[in-house]
Every structure is written in structure tokens, then in C-alpha cells.
């Protein structure tokens, strides 16, 4: 088991990390449904967010597969987090916007290598993407976080740029007011 394993990591992230350590490509998907706990696969009525999250996960997976089998370095996995969005504003996967993020706010190091992505010198934290309230996008967001399976830390700018190349057709840029708020933590 991982030396960086701790109780603060969701089990799905730990599983993705362990799969990657065994040489298997992995993606961890996490959705915030707004419910208080896990739900059974046969919940009635079928929750609408389950269908939306499934479509979002399929888009990310298909994009990665379309890029090729060796798209990610062997020691890297991706976590994909979906916001808990109001259903009236985010009834379909088409309402969501995708953003690259760092898992750890304090790790969001500055790098001029990010400049061409959206004009900023760092990526926002996943927490910033998931919790910032914005009327512009209805809070319908997907955070894509790339993690080094060996260290449990965010990857460096070189790897982030490779991940950006994979997902560039899905990705959006955060508004300046959201980015400035996230930079305070760095």
C-alpha cells in the first residue's frame, strides 16, 4: 500500500494510485451529488445526476483513449471531479466546462510554461474550481487533476502541458476573478 495513503484521500483516488503503481492506467471519477451518502446502483427513481456524471466520465475517457494508449506517463493518474450543480442549470453534460487543476492549493507553483494555456502562470486548485460560485457557468464544472502515483503530489508543469495537449478540445479557461482568488493560496 502507498506510503502517502491517508484518511483524507477518497478511496477511489487510492485505488487509482494503486492501479497506476501496478502499471495499469487509471482515472478516478468523483461526483458531488448533493446527497448525504452513497446510493445503490438500483436507486429508484434513477438519479438524473448519475446519467450526467456518466456522460462526463465517458467524454474524458474517450478523449484519453483517442489520444493513444501511452498518453500519460506510466507513474501518473488522473482524478476527475464533478461539481454538485443545481439540476436546473446543469441538466446535461453539455452544460459543464472542464478545467485543469492542482489537487493541492499550496502546490500550485508558478511556471511560465503555463502562460500559453490561459494567460496565467499557475493552475487553480481543485477546491477553487469546485467551490467558486459563478453565475456565468452555473457552477457546472469538471476539474481534471493529474497526480504522480509515486509521490501523491501534483505533477510538474512539463506533465501538465502533456495533459493539456490531450484534453485541449474539452478545456476552458477560468475567468480572471476566479484565478486571482485561487492565486492567493499559492
C-alpha atoms as a PDB file:
ATOM      1  CA  UNK A   1       0.000   0.000   0.000  1.00  0.00           C
ATOM      2  CA  UNK A   2       1.060   3.541  -0.633  1.00  0.00           C
ATOM      3  CA  UNK A   3       3.297   5.415   1.787  1.00  0.00           C
ATOM      4  CA  UNK A   4       1.329   8.629   1.185  1.00  0.00           C
ATOM      5  CA  UNK A   5      -2.019   6.996   1.876  1.00  0.00           C
ATOM      6  CA  UNK A   6      -4.032   8.899   4.434  1.00  0.00           C
ATOM      7  CA  UNK A   7      -7.625   9.129   5.554  1.00  0.00           C
ATOM      8  CA  UNK A   8      -8.165  12.405   3.737  1.00  0.00           C
ATOM      9  CA  UNK A   9      -7.991  10.801   0.294  1.00  0.00           C
ATOM     10  CA  UNK A  10     -11.173   9.408  -1.216  1.00  0.00           C
ATOM     11  CA  UNK A  11     -10.997   5.615  -1.714  1.00  0.00           C
ATOM     12  CA  UNK A  12     -11.390   5.986  -5.481  1.00  0.00           C
ATOM     13  CA  UNK A  13      -8.188   8.070  -5.594  1.00  0.00           C
ATOM     14  CA  UNK A  14      -6.313   5.483  -3.524  1.00  0.00           C
ATOM     15  CA  UNK A  15      -7.490   2.734  -5.899  1.00  0.00           C
ATOM     16  CA  UNK A  16      -6.370   4.720  -8.963  1.00  0.00           C
ATOM     17  CA  UNK A  17      -2.996   5.334  -7.346  1.00  0.00           C
ATOM     18  CA  UNK A  18      -2.515   1.654  -6.551  1.00  0.00           C
ATOM     19  CA  UNK A  19      -3.558   0.595 -10.072  1.00  0.00           C
ATOM     20  CA  UNK A  20      -1.043   3.025 -11.551  1.00  0.00           C
ATOM     21  CA  UNK A  21       1.670   1.700  -9.226  1.00  0.00           C
ATOM     22  CA  UNK A  22       0.943  -1.788 -10.659  1.00  0.00           C
ATOM     23  CA  UNK A  23       1.361  -0.485 -14.208  1.00  0.00           C
ATOM     24  CA  UNK A  24      -2.322  -0.093 -15.048  1.00  0.00           C
ATOM     25  CA  UNK A  25      -3.587   3.226 -16.442  1.00  0.00           C
ATOM     26  CA  UNK A  26      -6.173   4.725 -14.116  1.00  0.00           C
ATOM     27  CA  UNK A  27      -8.703   7.513 -13.786  1.00  0.00           C
ATOM     28  CA  UNK A  28     -10.560   8.298 -10.547  1.00  0.00           C
ATOM     29  CA  UNK A  29     -14.028   9.817 -11.044  1.00  0.00           C
ATOM     30  CA  UNK A  30     -15.749  11.655  -8.188  1.00  0.00           C
ATOM     31  CA  UNK A  31     -19.100  13.385  -8.236  1.00  0.00           C
ATOM     32  CA  UNK A  32     -20.746  15.607  -5.679  1.00  0.00           C
ATOM     33  CA  UNK A  33     -24.384  14.707  -5.993  1.00  0.00           C
ATOM     34  CA  UNK A  34     -25.603  16.875  -3.156  1.00  0.00           C
ATOM     35  CA  UNK A  35     -26.903  13.788  -1.393  1.00  0.00           C
ATOM     36  CA  UNK A  36     -25.807  12.881   2.105  1.00  0.00           C
ATOM     37  CA  UNK A  37     -24.351   9.450   1.353  1.00  0.00           C
ATOM     38  CA  UNK A  38     -23.723   6.721  -1.184  1.00  0.00           C
ATOM     39  CA  UNK A  39     -26.604   5.404  -3.208  1.00  0.00           C
ATOM     40  CA  UNK A  40     -27.251   1.922  -4.512  1.00  0.00           C
ATOM     41  CA  UNK A  41     -26.975   1.145  -8.233  1.00  0.00           C
ATOM     42  CA  UNK A  42     -30.703   0.333  -8.249  1.00  0.00           C
ATOM     43  CA  UNK A  43     -31.944   3.521  -6.549  1.00  0.00           C
ATOM     44  CA  UNK A  44     -35.467   4.426  -7.656  1.00  0.00           C
ATOM     45  CA  UNK A  45     -36.094   6.797  -9.244  1.00  0.00           C
ATOM     46  CA  UNK A  46     -32.792   6.767 -11.143  1.00  0.00           C
ATOM     47  CA  UNK A  47     -30.946   9.954 -10.104  1.00  0.00           C
ATOM     48  CA  UNK A  48     -30.559  12.373 -13.042  1.00  0.00           C
ATOM     49  CA  UNK A  49     -27.054  13.354 -11.938  1.00  0.00           C
ATOM     50  CA  UNK A  50     -25.947   9.724 -12.428  1.00  0.00           C
ATOM     51  CA  UNK A  51     -26.653   9.957 -16.138  1.00  0.00           C
ATOM     52  CA  UNK A  52     -24.905  13.354 -16.401  1.00  0.00           C
ATOM     53  CA  UNK A  53     -21.841  12.134 -14.463  1.00  0.00           C
ATOM     54  CA  UNK A  54     -21.722   9.028 -16.669  1.00  0.00           C
ATOM     55  CA  UNK A  55     -21.719  11.166 -19.815  1.00  0.00           C
ATOM     56  CA  UNK A  56     -18.993  13.430 -18.400  1.00  0.00           C
ATOM     57  CA  UNK A  57     -16.852  10.416 -17.462  1.00  0.00           C
ATOM     58  CA  UNK A  58     -17.349   8.908 -20.924  1.00  0.00           C
ATOM     59  CA  UNK A  59     -16.150  12.131 -22.590  1.00  0.00           C
ATOM     60  CA  UNK A  60     -12.981  12.272 -20.508  1.00  0.00           C
ATOM     61  CA  UNK A  61     -12.273   8.570 -21.042  1.00  0.00           C
ATOM     62  CA  UNK A  62     -12.911   8.703 -24.789  1.00  0.00           C
ATOM     63  CA  UNK A  63     -10.706  11.784 -25.158  1.00  0.00           C
ATOM     64  CA  UNK A  64      -7.873   9.973 -23.400  1.00  0.00           C
ATOM     65  CA  UNK A  65      -8.358   6.820 -25.497  1.00  0.00           C
ATOM     66  CA  UNK A  66      -8.481   8.831 -28.729  1.00  0.00           C
ATOM     67  CA  UNK A  67      -5.117  10.355 -27.866  1.00  0.00           C
ATOM     68  CA  UNK A  68      -3.465   6.936 -27.626  1.00  0.00           C
ATOM     69  CA  UNK A  69      -2.548   4.180 -25.233  1.00  0.00           C
ATOM     70  CA  UNK A  70       0.607   5.872 -23.958  1.00  0.00           C
ATOM     71  CA  UNK A  71      -0.950   9.292 -23.467  1.00  0.00           C
ATOM     72  CA  UNK A  72       0.030   9.541 -19.790  1.00  0.00           C
ATOM     73  CA  UNK A  73       3.425   8.789 -18.276  1.00  0.00           C
ATOM     74  CA  UNK A  74       3.403   5.391 -16.505  1.00  0.00           C
ATOM     75  CA  UNK A  75       3.558   6.885 -12.982  1.00  0.00           C
ATOM     76  CA  UNK A  76       0.682   9.333 -13.461  1.00  0.00           C
ATOM     77  CA  UNK A  77      -3.068   9.043 -12.925  1.00  0.00           C
ATOM     78  CA  UNK A  78      -5.938  11.465 -13.379  1.00  0.00           C
ATOM     79  CA  UNK A  79      -8.669  12.413 -10.915  1.00  0.00           C
ATOM     80  CA  UNK A  80     -11.809  13.899 -12.407  1.00  0.00           C
ATOM     81  CA  UNK A  81     -14.162  15.750 -10.072  1.00  0.00           C
ATOM     82  CA  UNK A  82     -17.679  16.908 -10.924  1.00  0.00           C
ATOM     83  CA  UNK A  83     -19.344  19.765  -9.062  1.00  0.00           C
ATOM     84  CA  UNK A  84     -22.625  19.387  -7.278  1.00  0.00           C
ATOM     85  CA  UNK A  85     -24.565  21.636  -9.575  1.00  0.00           C
ATOM     86  CA  UNK A  86     -28.182  22.761  -9.481  1.00  0.00           C
ATOM     87  CA  UNK A  87     -30.050  20.470 -11.842  1.00  0.00           C
ATOM     88  CA  UNK A  88     -31.975  23.324 -13.437  1.00  0.00           C
ATOM     89  CA  UNK A  89     -28.681  24.884 -14.590  1.00  0.00           C
ATOM     90  CA  UNK A  90     -26.787  21.667 -15.387  1.00  0.00           C
ATOM     91  CA  UNK A  91     -29.334  19.146 -16.689  1.00  0.00           C
ATOM     92  CA  UNK A  92     -26.960  17.668 -19.293  1.00  0.00           C
ATOM     93  CA  UNK A  93     -23.255  17.018 -19.754  1.00  0.00           C
ATOM     94  CA  UNK A  94     -23.213  19.782 -22.390  1.00  0.00           C
ATOM     95  CA  UNK A  95     -23.712  22.365 -19.620  1.00  0.00           C
ATOM     96  CA  UNK A  96     -20.374  21.540 -17.971  1.00  0.00           C
ATOM     97  CA  UNK A  97     -16.969  23.140 -18.542  1.00  0.00           C
ATOM     98  CA  UNK A  98     -13.676  21.331 -17.982  1.00  0.00           C
ATOM     99  CA  UNK A  99     -10.625  22.814 -16.226  1.00  0.00           C
ATOM    100  CA  UNK A 100      -7.120  21.589 -15.402  1.00  0.00           C
ATOM    101  CA  UNK A 101      -6.334  21.946 -11.712  1.00  0.00           C
ATOM    102  CA  UNK A 102      -3.853  21.093  -8.987  1.00  0.00           C
ATOM    103  CA  UNK A 103      -5.019  18.908  -6.116  1.00  0.00           C
ATOM    104  CA  UNK A 104      -3.110  20.873  -3.512  1.00  0.00           C
ATOM    105  CA  UNK A 105      -3.637  24.630  -3.356  1.00  0.00           C
ATOM    106  CA  UNK A 106      -0.216  25.211  -1.815  1.00  0.00           C
ATOM    107  CA  UNK A 107       1.406  23.183  -4.604  1.00  0.00           C
ATOM    108  CA  UNK A 108       0.044  25.439  -7.336  1.00  0.00           C
ATOM    109  CA  UNK A 109       3.536  26.595  -8.203  1.00  0.00           C
ATOM    110  CA  UNK A 110       4.147  29.391 -10.635  1.00  0.00           C
ATOM    111  CA  UNK A 111       5.591  28.454 -14.004  1.00  0.00           C
ATOM    112  CA  UNK A 112       5.884  30.475 -17.184  1.00  0.00           C
ATOM    113  CA  UNK A 113       5.218  27.201 -19.005  1.00  0.00           C
ATOM    114  CA  UNK A 114       1.530  27.641 -18.128  1.00  0.00           C
ATOM    115  CA  UNK A 115       1.316  31.093 -19.711  1.00  0.00           C
ATOM    116  CA  UNK A 116       0.093  29.863 -23.088  1.00  0.00           C
ATOM    117  CA  UNK A 117      -2.718  27.805 -21.537  1.00  0.00           C
ATOM    118  CA  UNK A 118      -4.965  30.607 -20.355  1.00  0.00           C
ATOM    119  CA  UNK A 119      -2.612  33.508 -19.757  1.00  0.00           C
ATOM    120  CA  UNK A 120      -1.874  32.673 -16.104  1.00  0.00           C
ATOM    121  CA  UNK A 121       1.342  31.331 -14.608  1.00  0.00           C
ATOM    122  CA  UNK A 122      -0.280  28.608 -12.491  1.00  0.00           C
ATOM    123  CA  UNK A 123      -3.253  26.305 -12.390  1.00  0.00           C
ATOM    124  CA  UNK A 124      -6.044  26.752  -9.834  1.00  0.00           C
ATOM    125  CA  UNK A 125      -6.661  24.241  -7.054  1.00  0.00           C
ATOM    126  CA  UNK A 126      -9.417  21.669  -7.494  1.00  0.00           C
ATOM    127  CA  UNK A 127     -11.104  23.152  -4.416  1.00  0.00           C
ATOM    128  CA  UNK A 128     -11.251  26.552  -6.115  1.00  0.00           C
ATOM    129  CA  UNK A 129     -12.868  25.101  -9.222  1.00  0.00           C
ATOM    130  CA  UNK A 130     -15.404  23.070  -7.268  1.00  0.00           C
ATOM    131  CA  UNK A 131     -16.453  25.710  -4.738  1.00  0.00           C
ATOM    132  CA  UNK A 132     -16.275  29.077  -6.506  1.00  0.00           C
ATOM    133  CA  UNK A 133     -19.808  30.318  -7.206  1.00  0.00           C
ATOM    134  CA  UNK A 134     -20.334  31.867 -10.609  1.00  0.00           C
ATOM    135  CA  UNK A 135     -23.448  32.851 -12.482  1.00  0.00           C
ATOM    136  CA  UNK A 136     -21.545  32.698 -15.796  1.00  0.00           C
ATOM    137  CA  UNK A 137     -21.172  28.914 -15.887  1.00  0.00           C
ATOM    138  CA  UNK A 138     -23.929  27.932 -13.457  1.00  0.00           C
ATOM    139  CA  UNK A 139     -21.310  26.153 -11.305  1.00  0.00           C
ATOM    140  CA  UNK A 140     -21.303  23.282 -13.833  1.00  0.00           C
ATOM    141  CA  UNK A 141     -17.603  22.343 -13.690  1.00  0.00           C
ATOM    142  CA  UNK A 142     -15.271  19.407 -14.102  1.00  0.00           C
ATOM    143  CA  UNK A 143     -11.798  19.562 -12.536  1.00  0.00           C
ATOM    144  CA  UNK A 144      -9.109  17.376 -14.115  1.00  0.00           C
ATOM    145  CA  UNK A 145      -6.208  16.794 -11.722  1.00  0.00           C
ATOM    146  CA  UNK A 146      -3.019  14.979 -12.677  1.00  0.00           C
ATOM    147  CA  UNK A 147      -1.177  13.249  -9.822  1.00  0.00           C
ATOM    148  CA  UNK A 148       2.153  11.472  -9.532  1.00  0.00           C
ATOM    149  CA  UNK A 149       1.320   7.976  -8.238  1.00  0.00           C
ATOM    150  CA  UNK A 150       4.714   7.551  -6.596  1.00  0.00           C
ATOM    151  CA  UNK A 151       4.704  10.737  -4.517  1.00  0.00           C
ATOM    152  CA  UNK A 152       0.990  11.529  -4.302  1.00  0.00           C
ATOM    153  CA  UNK A 153       1.764  15.095  -5.297  1.00  0.00           C
ATOM    154  CA  UNK A 154       0.703  17.209  -8.225  1.00  0.00           C
ATOM    155  CA  UNK A 155       2.789  16.664 -11.343  1.00  0.00           C
ATOM    156  CA  UNK A 156       5.183  19.289 -12.655  1.00  0.00           C
ATOM    157  CA  UNK A 157       4.473  21.769 -15.439  1.00  0.00           C
ATOM    158  CA  UNK A 158       6.000  19.519 -18.135  1.00  0.00           C
ATOM    159  CA  UNK A 159       3.496  16.734 -17.444  1.00  0.00           C
ATOM    160  CA  UNK A 160       0.629  19.220 -17.077  1.00  0.00           C
ATOM    161  CA  UNK A 161       1.400  20.535 -20.548  1.00  0.00           C
ATOM    162  CA  UNK A 162       1.168  16.975 -21.926  1.00  0.00           C
ATOM    163  CA  UNK A 163      -2.184  16.531 -20.195  1.00  0.00           C
ATOM    164  CA  UNK A 164      -3.326  19.875 -21.584  1.00  0.00           C
ATOM    165  CA  UNK A 165      -2.465  18.632 -25.095  1.00  0.00           C
ATOM    166  CA  UNK A 166      -4.661  15.562 -24.542  1.00  0.00           C
ATOM    167  CA  UNK A 167      -7.705  17.463 -23.287  1.00  0.00           C
ATOM    168  CA  UNK A 168      -7.266  20.797 -25.102  1.00  0.00           C
ATOM    169  CA  UNK A 169     -10.510  20.413 -27.065  1.00  0.00           C
ATOM    170  CA  UNK A 170     -12.502  19.993 -23.841  1.00  0.00           C
ATOM    171  CA  UNK A 171     -10.811  22.607 -21.657  1.00  0.00           C
ATOM    172  CA  UNK A 172     -11.986  26.088 -20.747  1.00  0.00           C
ATOM    173  CA  UNK A 173     -10.172  28.959 -19.057  1.00  0.00           C
ATOM    174  CA  UNK A 174     -11.316  30.281 -15.705  1.00  0.00           C
ATOM    175  CA  UNK A 175     -12.450  33.896 -15.541  1.00  0.00           C
ATOM    176  CA  UNK A 176      -9.791  36.237 -14.162  1.00  0.00           C
ATOM    177  CA  UNK A 177     -11.704  36.859 -10.923  1.00  0.00           C
ATOM    178  CA  UNK A 178     -11.679  33.112 -10.172  1.00  0.00           C
ATOM    179  CA  UNK A 179      -7.978  32.748 -10.954  1.00  0.00           C
ATOM    180  CA  UNK A 180      -6.947  35.719  -8.856  1.00  0.00           C
ATOM    181  CA  UNK A 181      -8.785  34.269  -5.885  1.00  0.00           C
ATOM    182  CA  UNK A 182      -7.014  30.938  -6.258  1.00  0.00           C
ATOM    183  CA  UNK A 183      -3.591  32.571  -6.535  1.00  0.00           C
ATOM    184  CA  UNK A 184      -3.860  33.964  -3.038  1.00  0.00           C
ATOM    185  CA  UNK A 185      -3.349  30.415  -1.724  1.00  0.00           C
ATOM    186  CA  UNK A 186      -0.127  29.756  -3.681  1.00  0.00           C
END
